Amino acid sequence: MDGWHAARSTAPVWRGSVNAQRPIGMRKLTPTTKPARGTAWHYTIRRKLRAIVASGELLPTYIGAKPPELPVLWFSLNQLWEPTALKDQCDLDGVAPTLGKKQARKRAGKLIRFGYPAEKCIMWPLLGRKARIPPRIRIALERWGREEGANPADWCGTLQAIPLADLIVEVFDSQNWVAFNPR
């Protein structure tokens, strides 16, 4: 198993100086994994799989955003699970819970992830600027992500749809991520 698929902690790992008094948007973000090679993952749930397969591609979405912001197709360099992955799964009161992998599986059923070459993704925070996400929202997203155990330096994505033929698809079998053919 190569370094990209080896287990690692999902807890945030910050390298370099991080001064609590410094504005969050100004922190230097260093990925816990190298974006120059390897796989970035779009994490989702099985109930969304039918619509994804029917469309033939993963599509950028406007989760919590509105124009002039651009829709984003979010990925993560976290090789185990992205703590903010199910941000669109709101409770009845409109609160978006952040779920760990076990809680997400229990609540949403099978977990699915789509892999894409990391070097083809736009890394955060540049992704936020290209998607026209306002600076105050980018700062809030980073703060929220860290509170939920994510590392914003692992975030990346694209503003374009990606055909399923260009993606690796895996399902979580309660122990490991394994290859899966959704067709």
C-alpha atoms as a PDB file:
ATOM      1  CA  MET A   1       0.000   0.000   0.000  1.00  0.00           C
ATOM      2  CA  ASP A   2       1.495   3.329  -1.021  1.00  0.00           C
ATOM      3  CA  GLY A   3       1.595   6.452   1.127  1.00  0.00           C
ATOM      4  CA  TRP A   4      -1.595   7.828  -0.421  1.00  0.00           C
ATOM      5  CA  HIS A   5      -3.625   4.877   0.796  1.00  0.00           C
ATOM      6  CA  ALA A   6      -1.906   4.322   4.122  1.00  0.00           C
ATOM      7  CA  ALA A   7      -3.997   5.130   7.179  1.00  0.00           C
ATOM      8  CA  ARG A   8      -3.410   8.506   8.766  1.00  0.00           C
ATOM      9  CA  SER A   9      -5.149  10.556  11.407  1.00  0.00           C
ATOM     10  CA  THR A  10      -8.070  12.710  10.275  1.00  0.00           C
ATOM     11  CA  ALA A  11      -7.203  15.283  12.939  1.00  0.00           C
ATOM     12  CA  PRO A  12      -5.926  18.582  11.559  1.00  0.00           C
ATOM     13  CA  VAL A  13      -2.182  18.804  11.135  1.00  0.00           C
ATOM     14  CA  TRP A  14      -0.858  22.335  10.858  1.00  0.00           C
ATOM     15  CA  ARG A  15       2.719  23.001   9.865  1.00  0.00           C
ATOM     16  CA  GLY A  16       4.481  26.317  10.057  1.00  0.00           C
ATOM     17  CA  SER A  17       3.455  29.185  12.242  1.00  0.00           C
ATOM     18  CA  VAL A  18      -0.172  29.400  13.238  1.00  0.00           C
ATOM     19  CA  ASN A  19      -0.812  32.444  15.382  1.00  0.00           C
ATOM     20  CA  ALA A  20      -4.237  32.447  17.036  1.00  0.00           C
ATOM     21  CA  GLN A  21      -4.280  36.266  16.836  1.00  0.00           C
ATOM     22  CA  ARG A  22      -3.679  36.260  13.099  1.00  0.00           C
ATOM     23  CA  PRO A  23      -6.824  36.389  10.915  1.00  0.00           C
ATOM     24  CA  ILE A  24      -7.854  32.876   9.857  1.00  0.00           C
ATOM     25  CA  GLY A  25      -7.902  33.797   6.185  1.00  0.00           C
ATOM     26  CA  MET A  26      -4.264  34.843   6.455  1.00  0.00           C
ATOM     27  CA  ARG A  27      -2.929  31.576   7.850  1.00  0.00           C
ATOM     28  CA  LYS A  28      -0.542  29.659   5.700  1.00  0.00           C
ATOM     29  CA  LEU A  29      -2.242  26.368   4.894  1.00  0.00           C
ATOM     30  CA  THR A  30      -0.054  23.354   4.350  1.00  0.00           C
ATOM     31  CA  PRO A  31      -1.709  20.160   3.119  1.00  0.00           C
ATOM     32  CA  THR A  32      -1.255  17.068   5.244  1.00  0.00           C
ATOM     33  CA  THR A  33      -0.730  15.223   1.972  1.00  0.00           C
ATOM     34  CA  LYS A  34       1.010  16.362  -1.192  1.00  0.00           C
ATOM     35  CA  PRO A  35      -1.342  17.809  -3.842  1.00  0.00           C
ATOM     36  CA  ALA A  36       1.203  17.310  -6.631  1.00  0.00           C
ATOM     37  CA  ARG A  37       0.393  13.603  -6.948  1.00  0.00           C
ATOM     38  CA  GLY A  38      -2.104  11.098  -5.696  1.00  0.00           C
ATOM     39  CA  THR A  39      -5.850  11.038  -5.441  1.00  0.00           C
ATOM     40  CA  ALA A  40      -8.346  13.633  -4.267  1.00  0.00           C
ATOM     41  CA  TRP A  41     -11.707  12.242  -3.127  1.00  0.00           C
ATOM     42  CA  HIS A  42     -15.294  13.426  -3.433  1.00  0.00           C
ATOM     43  CA  TYR A  43     -17.132  11.735  -0.537  1.00  0.00           C
ATOM     44  CA  THR A  44     -20.871  11.101  -0.757  1.00  0.00           C
ATOM     45  CA  ILE A  45     -23.598   8.602   0.133  1.00  0.00           C
ATOM     46  CA  ARG A  46     -25.227   5.753  -1.760  1.00  0.00           C
ATOM     47  CA  ARG A  47     -28.644   7.420  -2.017  1.00  0.00           C
ATOM     48  CA  LYS A  48     -27.080  10.055  -4.289  1.00  0.00           C
ATOM     49  CA  LEU A  49     -25.434   7.435  -6.497  1.00  0.00           C
ATOM     50  CA  ARG A  50     -28.440   6.783  -8.782  1.00  0.00           C
ATOM     51  CA  ALA A  51     -28.655  10.462  -9.792  1.00  0.00           C
ATOM     52  CA  ILE A  52     -24.888  10.656 -10.293  1.00  0.00           C
ATOM     53  CA  VAL A  53     -24.864   7.560 -12.510  1.00  0.00           C
ATOM     54  CA  ALA A  54     -27.900   8.822 -14.460  1.00  0.00           C
ATOM     55  CA  SER A  55     -26.133  12.121 -15.189  1.00  0.00           C
ATOM     56  CA  GLY A  56     -22.936  10.317 -16.175  1.00  0.00           C
ATOM     57  CA  GLU A  57     -20.797  12.825 -14.298  1.00  0.00           C
ATOM     58  CA  LEU A  58     -20.119  14.517 -10.987  1.00  0.00           C
ATOM     59  CA  LEU A  59     -21.501  18.035 -11.076  1.00  0.00           C
ATOM     60  CA  PRO A  60     -20.459  21.179  -9.215  1.00  0.00           C
ATOM     61  CA  THR A  61     -23.166  22.336  -6.777  1.00  0.00           C
ATOM     62  CA  TYR A  62     -24.276  25.516  -5.040  1.00  0.00           C
ATOM     63  CA  ILE A  63     -24.453  24.040  -1.516  1.00  0.00           C
ATOM     64  CA  GLY A  64     -25.072  27.085   0.656  1.00  0.00           C
ATOM     65  CA  ALA A  65     -24.012  29.452  -2.117  1.00  0.00           C
ATOM     66  CA  LYS A  66     -25.738  31.726  -4.576  1.00  0.00           C
ATOM     67  CA  PRO A  67     -24.612  33.755  -7.592  1.00  0.00           C
ATOM     68  CA  PRO A  68     -22.293  35.481  -8.252  1.00  0.00           C
ATOM     69  CA  GLU A  69     -20.540  32.578  -6.539  1.00  0.00           C
ATOM     70  CA  LEU A  70     -19.804  29.667  -8.856  1.00  0.00           C
ATOM     71  CA  PRO A  71     -20.804  26.091  -8.062  1.00  0.00           C
ATOM     72  CA  VAL A  72     -17.955  23.902  -6.801  1.00  0.00           C
ATOM     73  CA  LEU A  73     -17.302  20.188  -7.098  1.00  0.00           C
ATOM     74  CA  TRP A  74     -15.561  19.590  -3.763  1.00  0.00           C
ATOM     75  CA  PHE A  75     -12.763  17.071  -3.186  1.00  0.00           C
ATOM     76  CA  SER A  76     -10.461  16.327  -0.265  1.00  0.00           C
ATOM     77  CA  LEU A  77      -6.917  15.039  -0.023  1.00  0.00           C
ATOM     78  CA  ASN A  78      -7.912  13.255   3.192  1.00  0.00           C
ATOM     79  CA  GLN A  79      -7.527   9.608   2.246  1.00  0.00           C
ATOM     80  CA  LEU A  80      -9.844   8.225   4.941  1.00  0.00           C
ATOM     81  CA  TRP A  81     -12.824  10.595   5.264  1.00  0.00           C
ATOM     82  CA  GLU A  82     -13.512  14.322   4.958  1.00  0.00           C
ATOM     83  CA  PRO A  83     -15.264  15.484   8.152  1.00  0.00           C
ATOM     84  CA  THR A  84     -17.219  18.143   6.219  1.00  0.00           C
ATOM     85  CA  ALA A  85     -18.326  15.781   3.425  1.00  0.00           C
ATOM     86  CA  LEU A  86     -22.030  15.612   4.235  1.00  0.00           C
ATOM     87  CA  LYS A  87     -22.569  19.337   4.771  1.00  0.00           C
ATOM     88  CA  ASP A  88     -25.717  19.175   2.637  1.00  0.00           C
ATOM     89  CA  GLN A  89     -27.466  16.634   4.906  1.00  0.00           C
ATOM     90  CA  CYS A  90     -29.479  19.040   7.057  1.00  0.00           C
ATOM     91  CA  ASP A  91     -31.592  18.023  10.041  1.00  0.00           C
ATOM     92  CA  LEU A  92     -35.289  18.907  10.141  1.00  0.00           C
ATOM     93  CA  ASP A  93     -34.406  22.174  11.884  1.00  0.00           C
ATOM     94  CA  GLY A  94     -32.026  23.130   9.066  1.00  0.00           C
ATOM     95  CA  VAL A  95     -28.823  22.396  10.993  1.00  0.00           C
ATOM     96  CA  ALA A  96     -26.140  20.685   8.934  1.00  0.00           C
ATOM     97  CA  PRO A  97     -24.513  18.087  11.167  1.00  0.00           C
ATOM     98  CA  THR A  98     -20.914  17.151  10.601  1.00  0.00           C
ATOM     99  CA  LEU A  99     -20.555  13.434  10.894  1.00  0.00           C
ATOM    100  CA  GLY A 100     -17.588  11.175  11.379  1.00  0.00           C
ATOM    101  CA  LYS A 101     -17.329   8.209   9.060  1.00  0.00           C
ATOM    102  CA  LYS A 102     -19.119   5.854  11.484  1.00  0.00           C
ATOM    103  CA  GLN A 103     -21.944   8.295  12.200  1.00  0.00           C
ATOM    104  CA  ALA A 104     -22.321   9.118   8.499  1.00  0.00           C
ATOM    105  CA  ARG A 105     -22.542   5.442   7.595  1.00  0.00           C
ATOM    106  CA  LYS A 106     -25.110   4.818  10.322  1.00  0.00           C
ATOM    107  CA  ARG A 107     -27.226   7.808   9.287  1.00  0.00           C
ATOM    108  CA  ALA A 108     -26.854   7.741   5.516  1.00  0.00           C
ATOM    109  CA  GLY A 109     -26.102   4.109   4.648  1.00  0.00           C
ATOM    110  CA  LYS A 110     -23.303   3.143   2.302  1.00  0.00           C
ATOM    111  CA  LEU A 111     -20.521   5.668   1.871  1.00  0.00           C
ATOM    112  CA  ILE A 112     -19.174   6.234  -1.623  1.00  0.00           C
ATOM    113  CA  ARG A 113     -16.150   8.162  -2.802  1.00  0.00           C
ATOM    114  CA  PHE A 114     -15.021   9.249  -6.230  1.00  0.00           C
ATOM    115  CA  GLY A 115     -11.292   9.626  -6.851  1.00  0.00           C
ATOM    116  CA  TYR A 116      -9.725  12.115  -9.230  1.00  0.00           C
ATOM    117  CA  PRO A 117      -6.071  13.038  -9.821  1.00  0.00           C
ATOM    118  CA  ALA A 118      -5.177  15.683  -7.244  1.00  0.00           C
ATOM    119  CA  GLU A 119      -2.999  17.577  -9.711  1.00  0.00           C
ATOM    120  CA  LYS A 120      -6.115  18.312 -11.799  1.00  0.00           C
ATOM    121  CA  CYS A 121      -7.855  19.994  -8.861  1.00  0.00           C
ATOM    122  CA  ILE A 122      -7.638  23.598  -7.720  1.00  0.00           C
ATOM    123  CA  MET A 123      -6.314  23.747  -4.162  1.00  0.00           C
ATOM    124  CA  TRP A 124      -7.941  25.743  -1.384  1.00  0.00           C
ATOM    125  CA  PRO A 125      -7.769  28.743  -0.814  1.00  0.00           C
ATOM    126  CA  LEU A 126      -7.319  29.481  -4.543  1.00  0.00           C
ATOM    127  CA  LEU A 127     -10.475  27.422  -5.214  1.00  0.00           C
ATOM    128  CA  GLY A 128     -12.464  29.761  -2.978  1.00  0.00           C
ATOM    129  CA  ARG A 129     -11.232  32.820  -4.856  1.00  0.00           C
ATOM    130  CA  LYS A 130     -11.882  31.280  -8.296  1.00  0.00           C
ATOM    131  CA  ALA A 131     -15.397  30.277  -7.178  1.00  0.00           C
ATOM    132  CA  ARG A 132     -15.990  33.912  -6.105  1.00  0.00           C
ATOM    133  CA  ILE A 133     -16.715  32.876  -2.519  1.00  0.00           C
ATOM    134  CA  PRO A 134     -16.618  36.111  -0.489  1.00  0.00           C
ATOM    135  CA  PRO A 135     -13.603  36.421   1.855  1.00  0.00           C
ATOM    136  CA  ARG A 136     -15.786  36.440   5.008  1.00  0.00           C
ATOM    137  CA  ILE A 137     -17.424  33.168   3.877  1.00  0.00           C
ATOM    138  CA  ARG A 138     -14.042  31.576   3.075  1.00  0.00           C
ATOM    139  CA  ILE A 139     -12.824  32.493   6.573  1.00  0.00           C
ATOM    140  CA  ALA A 140     -16.013  31.099   8.117  1.00  0.00           C
ATOM    141  CA  LEU A 141     -15.689  27.866   6.103  1.00  0.00           C
ATOM    142  CA  GLU A 142     -12.117  27.382   7.310  1.00  0.00           C
ATOM    143  CA  ARG A 143     -13.110  28.046  10.922  1.00  0.00           C
ATOM    144  CA  TRP A 144     -16.081  25.656  10.708  1.00  0.00           C
ATOM    145  CA  GLY A 145     -13.987  22.994   8.965  1.00  0.00           C
ATOM    146  CA  ARG A 146     -11.314  23.107  11.673  1.00  0.00           C
ATOM    147  CA  GLU A 147     -13.976  22.921  14.401  1.00  0.00           C
ATOM    148  CA  GLU A 148     -15.279  19.762  12.751  1.00  0.00           C
ATOM    149  CA  GLY A 149     -11.830  18.143  12.535  1.00  0.00           C
ATOM    150  CA  ALA A 150     -11.068  18.944   8.911  1.00  0.00           C
ATOM    151  CA  ASN A 151      -7.883  20.442   7.538  1.00  0.00           C
ATOM    152  CA  PRO A 152      -8.800  23.169   5.021  1.00  0.00           C
ATOM    153  CA  ALA A 153      -5.418  22.621   3.369  1.00  0.00           C
ATOM    154  CA  ASP A 154      -6.781  19.218   2.244  1.00  0.00           C
ATOM    155  CA  TRP A 155      -9.668  20.888   0.398  1.00  0.00           C
ATOM    156  CA  CYS A 156      -9.612  21.145  -3.355  1.00  0.00           C
ATOM    157  CA  GLY A 157     -12.022  20.891  -6.231  1.00  0.00           C
ATOM    158  CA  THR A 158     -13.044  22.005  -9.648  1.00  0.00           C
ATOM    159  CA  LEU A 159     -15.573  24.341 -11.192  1.00  0.00           C
ATOM    160  CA  GLN A 160     -16.254  21.859 -13.996  1.00  0.00           C
ATOM    161  CA  ALA A 161     -18.243  18.620 -14.198  1.00  0.00           C
ATOM    162  CA  ILE A 162     -16.173  15.423 -14.351  1.00  0.00           C
ATOM    163  CA  PRO A 163     -17.331  12.400 -16.392  1.00  0.00           C
ATOM    164  CA  LEU A 164     -17.678   9.203 -14.343  1.00  0.00           C
ATOM    165  CA  ALA A 165     -15.314   7.488 -16.793  1.00  0.00           C
ATOM    166  CA  ASP A 166     -12.530   9.750 -15.469  1.00  0.00           C
ATOM    167  CA  LEU A 167     -13.097   8.769 -11.823  1.00  0.00           C
ATOM    168  CA  ILE A 168     -12.192   5.924  -9.487  1.00  0.00           C
ATOM    169  CA  VAL A 169     -15.227   4.758  -7.493  1.00  0.00           C
ATOM    170  CA  GLU A 170     -14.989   3.099  -4.085  1.00  0.00           C
ATOM    171  CA  VAL A 171     -17.470   2.037  -1.397  1.00  0.00           C
ATOM    172  CA  PHE A 172     -16.784   1.752   2.331  1.00  0.00           C
ATOM    173  CA  ASP A 173     -17.414  -1.841   3.462  1.00  0.00           C
ATOM    174  CA  SER A 174     -17.385  -0.979   7.224  1.00  0.00           C
ATOM    175  CA  GLN A 175     -13.638  -1.620   7.436  1.00  0.00           C
ATOM    176  CA  ASN A 176     -11.995  -0.420   4.225  1.00  0.00           C
ATOM    177  CA  TRP A 177     -12.562   1.465   1.022  1.00  0.00           C
ATOM    178  CA  VAL A 178     -12.901  -1.054  -1.850  1.00  0.00           C
ATOM    179  CA  ALA A 179     -13.300  -0.710  -5.607  1.00  0.00           C
ATOM    180  CA  PHE A 180     -16.898  -0.398  -6.747  1.00  0.00           C
ATOM    181  CA  ASN A 181     -18.576  -0.404 -10.145  1.00  0.00           C
ATOM    182  CA  PRO A 182     -21.685   1.791  -9.932  1.00  0.00           C
ATOM    183  CA  ARG A 183     -22.902   0.946 -13.434  1.00  0.00           C
END
